[in-house]
PDB file of N, CA and C in Angstrom:
ATOM      1  N   MET A   1       0.862  -1.174   0.000  1.00  0.00           N
ATOM      2  CA  MET A   1       0.000   0.000   0.000  1.00  0.00           C
ATOM      3  C   MET A   1       0.895   1.220   0.000  1.00  0.00           C
ATOM      4  N   GLY A   2       0.640   2.135  -0.930  1.00  0.00           N
ATOM      5  CA  GLY A   2       1.496   3.288  -1.106  1.00  0.00           C
ATOM      6  C   GLY A   2       1.364   4.343  -0.028  1.00  0.00           C
ATOM      7  N   GLY A   3       2.366   5.204  -0.003  1.00  0.00           N
ATOM      8  CA  GLY A   3       2.399   6.280   0.979  1.00  0.00           C
ATOM      9  C   GLY A   3       1.273   7.282   0.823  1.00  0.00           C
ATOM     10  N   GLY A   4       0.764   7.434  -0.399  1.00  0.00           N
ATOM     11  CA  GLY A   4      -0.314   8.389  -0.634  1.00  0.00           C
ATOM     12  C   GLY A   4      -1.573   8.051   0.140  1.00  0.00           C
ATOM     13  N   ILE A   5      -1.946   6.786   0.134  1.00  0.00           N
ATOM     14  CA  ILE A   5      -3.154   6.375   0.861  1.00  0.00           C
ATOM     15  C   ILE A   5      -2.922   6.476   2.362  1.00  0.00           C
ATOM     16  N   VAL A   6      -1.709   6.229   2.816  1.00  0.00           N
ATOM     17  CA  VAL A   6      -1.405   6.340   4.242  1.00  0.00           C
ATOM     18  C   VAL A   6      -1.530   7.796   4.677  1.00  0.00           C
ATOM     19  N   ALA A   7      -0.989   8.713   3.876  1.00  0.00           N
ATOM     20  CA  ALA A   7      -1.102  10.139   4.190  1.00  0.00           C
ATOM     21  C   ALA A   7      -2.564  10.575   4.172  1.00  0.00           C
ATOM     22  N   TYR A   8      -3.298  10.137   3.167  1.00  0.00           N
ATOM     23  CA  TYR A   8      -4.722  10.472   3.067  1.00  0.00           C
ATOM     24  C   TYR A   8      -5.484   9.975   4.300  1.00  0.00           C
ATOM     25  N   GLU A   9      -5.243   8.731   4.689  1.00  0.00           N
ATOM     26  CA  GLU A   9      -5.933   8.157   5.839  1.00  0.00           C
ATOM     27  C   GLU A   9      -5.570   8.890   7.131  1.00  0.00           C
ATOM     28  N   LEU A  10      -4.323   9.321   7.256  1.00  0.00           N
ATOM     29  CA  LEU A  10      -3.914  10.093   8.432  1.00  0.00           C
ATOM     30  C   LEU A  10      -4.700  11.395   8.505  1.00  0.00           C
ATOM     31  N   VAL A  11      -4.831  12.078   7.384  1.00  0.00           N
ATOM     32  CA  VAL A  11      -5.596  13.331   7.361  1.00  0.00           C
ATOM     33  C   VAL A  11      -7.058  13.064   7.718  1.00  0.00           C
ATOM     34  N   MET A  12      -7.641  12.032   7.136  1.00  0.00           N
ATOM     35  CA  MET A  12      -9.038  11.724   7.425  1.00  0.00           C
ATOM     36  C   MET A  12      -9.246  11.410   8.906  1.00  0.00           C
ATOM     37  N   LYS A  13      -8.304  10.675   9.509  1.00  0.00           N
ATOM     38  CA  LYS A  13      -8.402  10.345  10.932  1.00  0.00           C
ATOM     39  C   LYS A  13      -8.245  11.601  11.797  1.00  0.00           C
ATOM     40  N   CYS A  14      -7.389  12.517  11.365  1.00  0.00           N
ATOM     41  CA  CYS A  14      -7.228  13.776  12.102  1.00  0.00           C
ATOM     42  C   CYS A  14      -8.486  14.637  11.998  1.00  0.00           C
ATOM     43  N   ARG A  15      -9.125  14.599  10.858  1.00  0.00           N
ATOM     44  CA  ARG A  15     -10.350  15.383  10.665  1.00  0.00           C
ATOM     45  C   ARG A  15     -11.536  14.773  11.394  1.00  0.00           C
ATOM     46  N   ASP A  16     -11.559  13.450  11.530  1.00  0.00           N
ATOM     47  CA  ASP A  16     -12.685  12.750  12.160  1.00  0.00           C
ATOM     48  C   ASP A  16     -12.150  11.599  12.997  1.00  0.00           C
ATOM     49  N   LYS A  17     -12.150  11.757  14.315  1.00  0.00           N
ATOM     50  CA  LYS A  17     -11.574  10.726  15.188  1.00  0.00           C
ATOM     51  C   LYS A  17     -12.279   9.385  15.052  1.00  0.00           C
ATOM     52  N   ASN A  18     -13.486   9.342  14.508  1.00  0.00           N
ATOM     53  CA  ASN A  18     -14.225   8.091  14.319  1.00  0.00           C
ATOM     54  C   ASN A  18     -13.974   7.441  12.963  1.00  0.00           C
ATOM     55  N   HIS A  19     -13.134   8.063  12.137  1.00  0.00           N
ATOM     56  CA  HIS A  19     -12.813   7.512  10.814  1.00  0.00           C
ATOM     57  C   HIS A  19     -12.166   6.136  10.973  1.00  0.00           C
ATOM     58  N   GLN A  20     -12.626   5.164  10.205  1.00  0.00           N
ATOM     59  CA  GLN A  20     -12.068   3.814  10.216  1.00  0.00           C
ATOM     60  C   GLN A  20     -10.963   3.739   9.173  1.00  0.00           C
ATOM     61  N   LEU A  21      -9.749   3.463   9.613  1.00  0.00           N
ATOM     62  CA  LEU A  21      -8.600   3.419   8.715  1.00  0.00           C
ATOM     63  C   LEU A  21      -8.708   2.243   7.749  1.00  0.00           C
ATOM     64  N   PHE A  22      -8.284   2.454   6.522  1.00  0.00           N
ATOM     65  CA  PHE A  22      -8.361   1.465   5.445  1.00  0.00           C
ATOM     66  C   PHE A  22      -7.190   0.485   5.517  1.00  0.00           C
ATOM     67  N   GLY A  23      -7.494  -0.779   5.294  1.00  0.00           N
ATOM     68  CA  GLY A  23      -6.453  -1.809   5.182  1.00  0.00           C
ATOM     69  C   GLY A  23      -5.471  -1.809   6.336  1.00  0.00           C
ATOM     70  N   ASN A  24      -4.179  -1.831   5.989  1.00  0.00           N
ATOM     71  CA  ASN A  24      -3.144  -1.871   7.024  1.00  0.00           C
ATOM     72  C   ASN A  24      -2.556  -0.493   7.315  1.00  0.00           C
ATOM     73  N   THR A  25      -3.272   0.565   6.935  1.00  0.00           N
ATOM     74  CA  THR A  25      -2.735   1.905   7.169  1.00  0.00           C
ATOM     75  C   THR A  25      -2.538   2.195   8.649  1.00  0.00           C
ATOM     76  N   GLY A  26      -3.382   1.659   9.490  1.00  0.00           N
ATOM     77  CA  GLY A  26      -3.228   1.860  10.928  1.00  0.00           C
ATOM     78  C   GLY A  26      -1.901   1.316  11.430  1.00  0.00           C
ATOM     79  N   GLU A  27      -1.547   0.125  10.990  1.00  0.00           N
ATOM     80  CA  GLU A  27      -0.272  -0.475  11.397  1.00  0.00           C
ATOM     81  C   GLU A  27       0.902   0.338  10.862  1.00  0.00           C
ATOM     82  N   ARG A  28       0.794   0.803   9.641  1.00  0.00           N
ATOM     83  CA  ARG A  28       1.885   1.613   9.068  1.00  0.00           C
ATOM     84  C   ARG A  28       2.028   2.930   9.819  1.00  0.00           C
ATOM     85  N   LEU A  29       0.914   3.541  10.190  1.00  0.00           N
ATOM     86  CA  LEU A  29       0.966   4.799  10.936  1.00  0.00           C
ATOM     87  C   LEU A  29       1.509   4.581  12.342  1.00  0.00           C
ATOM     88  N   LYS A  30       1.217   3.431  12.948  1.00  0.00           N
ATOM     89  CA  LYS A  30       1.776   3.107  14.263  1.00  0.00           C
ATOM     90  C   LYS A  30       3.288   2.942  14.180  1.00  0.00           C
ATOM     91  N   LYS A  31       3.761   2.266  13.126  1.00  0.00           N
ATOM     92  CA  LYS A  31       5.206   2.085  12.953  1.00  0.00           C
ATOM     93  C   LYS A  31       5.914   3.429  12.779  1.00  0.00           C
ATOM     94  N   LEU A  32       5.248   4.368  12.145  1.00  0.00           N
ATOM     95  CA  LEU A  32       5.810   5.711  11.959  1.00  0.00           C
ATOM     96  C   LEU A  32       5.603   6.590  13.190  1.00  0.00           C
ATOM     97  N   ARG A  33       4.896   6.035  14.173  1.00  0.00           N
ATOM     98  CA  ARG A  33       4.573   6.731  15.428  1.00  0.00           C
ATOM     99  C   ARG A  33       3.733   7.986  15.197  1.00  0.00           C
ATOM    100  N   LEU A  34       2.872   7.921  14.190  1.00  0.00           N
ATOM    101  CA  LEU A  34       1.952   9.021  13.904  1.00  0.00           C
ATOM    102  C   LEU A  34       0.603   8.815  14.565  1.00  0.00           C
ATOM    103  N   ILE A  35       0.316   7.574  14.960  1.00  0.00           N
ATOM    104  CA  ILE A  35      -0.866   7.307  15.775  1.00  0.00           C
ATOM    105  C   ILE A  35      -0.445   6.448  16.959  1.00  0.00           C
ATOM    106  N   GLU A  36      -1.212   6.540  18.025  1.00  0.00           N
ATOM    107  CA  GLU A  36      -0.929   5.787  19.238  1.00  0.00           C
ATOM    108  C   GLU A  36      -1.351   4.330  19.066  1.00  0.00           C
ATOM    109  N   GLU A  37      -0.890   3.478  19.938  1.00  0.00           N
ATOM    110  CA  GLU A  37      -1.243   2.057  19.893  1.00  0.00           C
ATOM    111  C   GLU A  37      -2.749   1.834  19.967  1.00  0.00           C
ATOM    112  N   ASP A  38      -3.468   2.716  20.661  1.00  0.00           N
ATOM    113  CA  ASP A  38      -4.922   2.573  20.774  1.00  0.00           C
ATOM    114  C   ASP A  38      -5.669   3.177  19.588  1.00  0.00           C
ATOM    115  N   GLY A  39      -4.938   3.681  18.595  1.00  0.00           N
ATOM    116  CA  GLY A  39      -5.555   4.245  17.398  1.00  0.00           C
ATOM    117  C   GLY A  39      -5.846   5.728  17.479  1.00  0.00           C
ATOM    118  N   SER A  40      -5.585   6.336  18.629  1.00  0.00           N
ATOM    119  CA  SER A  40      -5.805   7.783  18.756  1.00  0.00           C
ATOM    120  C   SER A  40      -4.611   8.548  18.178  1.00  0.00           C
ATOM    121  N   ILE A  41      -4.813   9.827  17.981  1.00  0.00           N
ATOM    122  CA  ILE A  41      -3.754  10.681  17.452  1.00  0.00           C
ATOM    123  C   ILE A  41      -3.459  11.763  18.474  1.00  0.00           C
ATOM    124  N   HIS A  42      -2.194  11.890  18.816  1.00  0.00           N
ATOM    125  CA  HIS A  42      -1.771  12.911  19.777  1.00  0.00           C
ATOM    126  C   HIS A  42      -2.142  14.291  19.229  1.00  0.00           C
ATOM    127  N   GLY A  43      -2.539  15.174  20.115  1.00  0.00           N
ATOM    128  CA  GLY A  43      -2.964  16.509  19.717  1.00  0.00           C
ATOM    129  C   GLY A  43      -1.930  17.270  18.906  1.00  0.00           C
ATOM    130  N   SER A  44      -0.659  17.113  19.224  1.00  0.00           N
ATOM    131  CA  SER A  44       0.401  17.803  18.483  1.00  0.00           C
ATOM    132  C   SER A  44       0.482  17.312  17.040  1.00  0.00           C
ATOM    133  N   ILE A  45       0.391  15.995  16.860  1.00  0.00           N
ATOM    134  CA  ILE A  45       0.400  15.424  15.505  1.00  0.00           C
ATOM    135  C   ILE A  45      -0.821  15.921  14.739  1.00  0.00           C
ATOM    136  N   ARG A  46      -1.988  15.873  15.372  1.00  0.00           N
ATOM    137  CA  ARG A  46      -3.221  16.329  14.733  1.00  0.00           C
ATOM    138  C   ARG A  46      -3.088  17.777  14.268  1.00  0.00           C
ATOM    139  N   ASN A  47      -2.566  18.642  15.123  1.00  0.00           N
ATOM    140  CA  ASN A  47      -2.414  20.051  14.764  1.00  0.00           C
ATOM    141  C   ASN A  47      -1.520  20.239  13.552  1.00  0.00           C
ATOM    142  N   ILE A  48      -0.390  19.524  13.502  1.00  0.00           N
ATOM    143  CA  ILE A  48       0.524  19.650  12.367  1.00  0.00           C
ATOM    144  C   ILE A  48      -0.125  19.147  11.092  1.00  0.00           C
ATOM    145  N   VAL A  49      -0.765  17.977  11.166  1.00  0.00           N
ATOM    146  CA  VAL A  49      -1.405  17.400   9.974  1.00  0.00           C
ATOM    147  C   VAL A  49      -2.497  18.335   9.460  1.00  0.00           C
ATOM    148  N   LEU A  50      -3.359  18.814  10.348  1.00  0.00           N
ATOM    149  CA  LEU A  50      -4.456  19.676   9.921  1.00  0.00           C
ATOM    150  C   LEU A  50      -3.964  21.026   9.415  1.00  0.00           C
ATOM    151  N   SER A  51      -2.835  21.497   9.918  1.00  0.00           N
ATOM    152  CA  SER A  51      -2.261  22.756   9.443  1.00  0.00           C
ATOM    153  C   SER A  51      -1.567  22.590   8.099  1.00  0.00           C
ATOM    154  N   SER A  52      -1.206  21.358   7.755  1.00  0.00           N
ATOM    155  CA  SER A  52      -0.469  21.087   6.521  1.00  0.00           C
ATOM    156  C   SER A  52      -1.358  20.674   5.351  1.00  0.00           C
ATOM    157  N   ALA A  53      -2.430  19.972   5.627  1.00  0.00           N
ATOM    158  CA  ALA A  53      -3.273  19.408   4.564  1.00  0.00           C
ATOM    159  C   ALA A  53      -4.235  20.450   4.018  1.00  0.00           C
ATOM    160  N   GLU A  54      -4.341  20.463   2.692  1.00  0.00           N
ATOM    161  CA  GLU A  54      -5.302  21.332   2.016  1.00  0.00           C
ATOM    162  C   GLU A  54      -6.043  20.529   0.965  1.00  0.00           C
ATOM    163  N   GLY A  55      -7.327  20.782   0.814  1.00  0.00           N
ATOM    164  CA  GLY A  55      -8.110  20.140  -0.225  1.00  0.00           C
ATOM    165  C   GLY A  55      -8.726  18.829   0.220  1.00  0.00           C
ATOM    166  N   GLU A  56      -9.328  18.161  -0.756  1.00  0.00           N
ATOM    167  CA  GLU A  56     -10.059  16.917  -0.521  1.00  0.00           C
ATOM    168  C   GLU A  56      -9.649  15.860  -1.535  1.00  0.00           C
ATOM    169  N   GLY A  57      -9.750  14.603  -1.139  1.00  0.00           N
ATOM    170  CA  GLY A  57      -9.549  13.477  -2.044  1.00  0.00           C
ATOM    171  C   GLY A  57      -8.254  13.538  -2.826  1.00  0.00           C
ATOM    172  N   LEU A  58      -8.349  13.269  -4.135  1.00  0.00           N
ATOM    173  CA  LEU A  58      -7.173  13.253  -4.994  1.00  0.00           C
ATOM    174  C   LEU A  58      -6.562  14.632  -5.185  1.00  0.00           C
ATOM    175  N   GLU A  59      -7.304  15.662  -4.817  1.00  0.00           N
ATOM    176  CA  GLU A  59      -6.809  17.026  -4.938  1.00  0.00           C
ATOM    177  C   GLU A  59      -6.065  17.492  -3.690  1.00  0.00           C
ATOM    178  N   MET A  60      -5.943  16.612  -2.676  1.00  0.00           N
ATOM    179  CA  MET A  60      -5.290  16.989  -1.427  1.00  0.00           C
ATOM    180  C   MET A  60      -3.804  17.238  -1.661  1.00  0.00           C
ATOM    181  N   THR A  61      -3.314  18.309  -1.061  1.00  0.00           N
ATOM    182  CA  THR A  61      -1.901  18.637  -1.099  1.00  0.00           C
ATOM    183  C   THR A  61      -1.446  18.982   0.316  1.00  0.00           C
ATOM    184  N   PHE A  62      -0.154  19.081   0.478  1.00  0.00           N
ATOM    185  CA  PHE A  62       0.421  19.443   1.768  1.00  0.00           C
ATOM    186  C   PHE A  62       1.309  20.660   1.598  1.00  0.00           C
ATOM    187  N   LYS A  63       1.272  21.528   2.592  1.00  0.00           N
ATOM    188  CA  LYS A  63       2.112  22.731   2.613  1.00  0.00           C
ATOM    189  C   LYS A  63       2.822  22.764   3.949  1.00  0.00           C
ATOM    190  N   SER A  64       3.738  23.682   4.086  1.00  0.00           N
ATOM    191  CA  SER A  64       4.421  23.851   5.367  1.00  0.00           C
ATOM    192  C   SER A  64       3.406  24.311   6.408  1.00  0.00           C
ATOM    193  N   PRO A  65       3.393  23.692   7.572  1.00  0.00           N
ATOM    194  CA  PRO A  65       2.438  24.119   8.598  1.00  0.00           C
ATOM    195  C   PRO A  65       2.820  25.455   9.234  1.00  0.00           C
ATOM    196  N   VAL A  66       3.988  25.967   8.953  1.00  0.00           N
ATOM    197  CA  VAL A  66       4.425  27.237   9.546  1.00  0.00           C
ATOM    198  C   VAL A  66       4.518  28.360   8.527  1.00  0.00           C
ATOM    199  N   ALA A  67       4.024  28.131   7.327  1.00  0.00           N
ATOM    200  CA  ALA A  67       4.108  29.152   6.264  1.00  0.00           C
ATOM    201  C   ALA A  67       3.181  30.323   6.541  1.00  0.00           C
TER     202      ALA A  67
END
């Protein structure tokens, strides 16, 4: 499973804590330490992801969160 879907799923989970992660993206995000073992996302990670992601679906892009 490519990095694009993992990034997309991370954004969706940050936007909606009840979002069900697709396939093995949860395990990949845990290995990257972007989500906790219980599937939650630390507030600091959530803030960075939400500040970086723009757009929806295939049109989603990322920018610097400090720009």
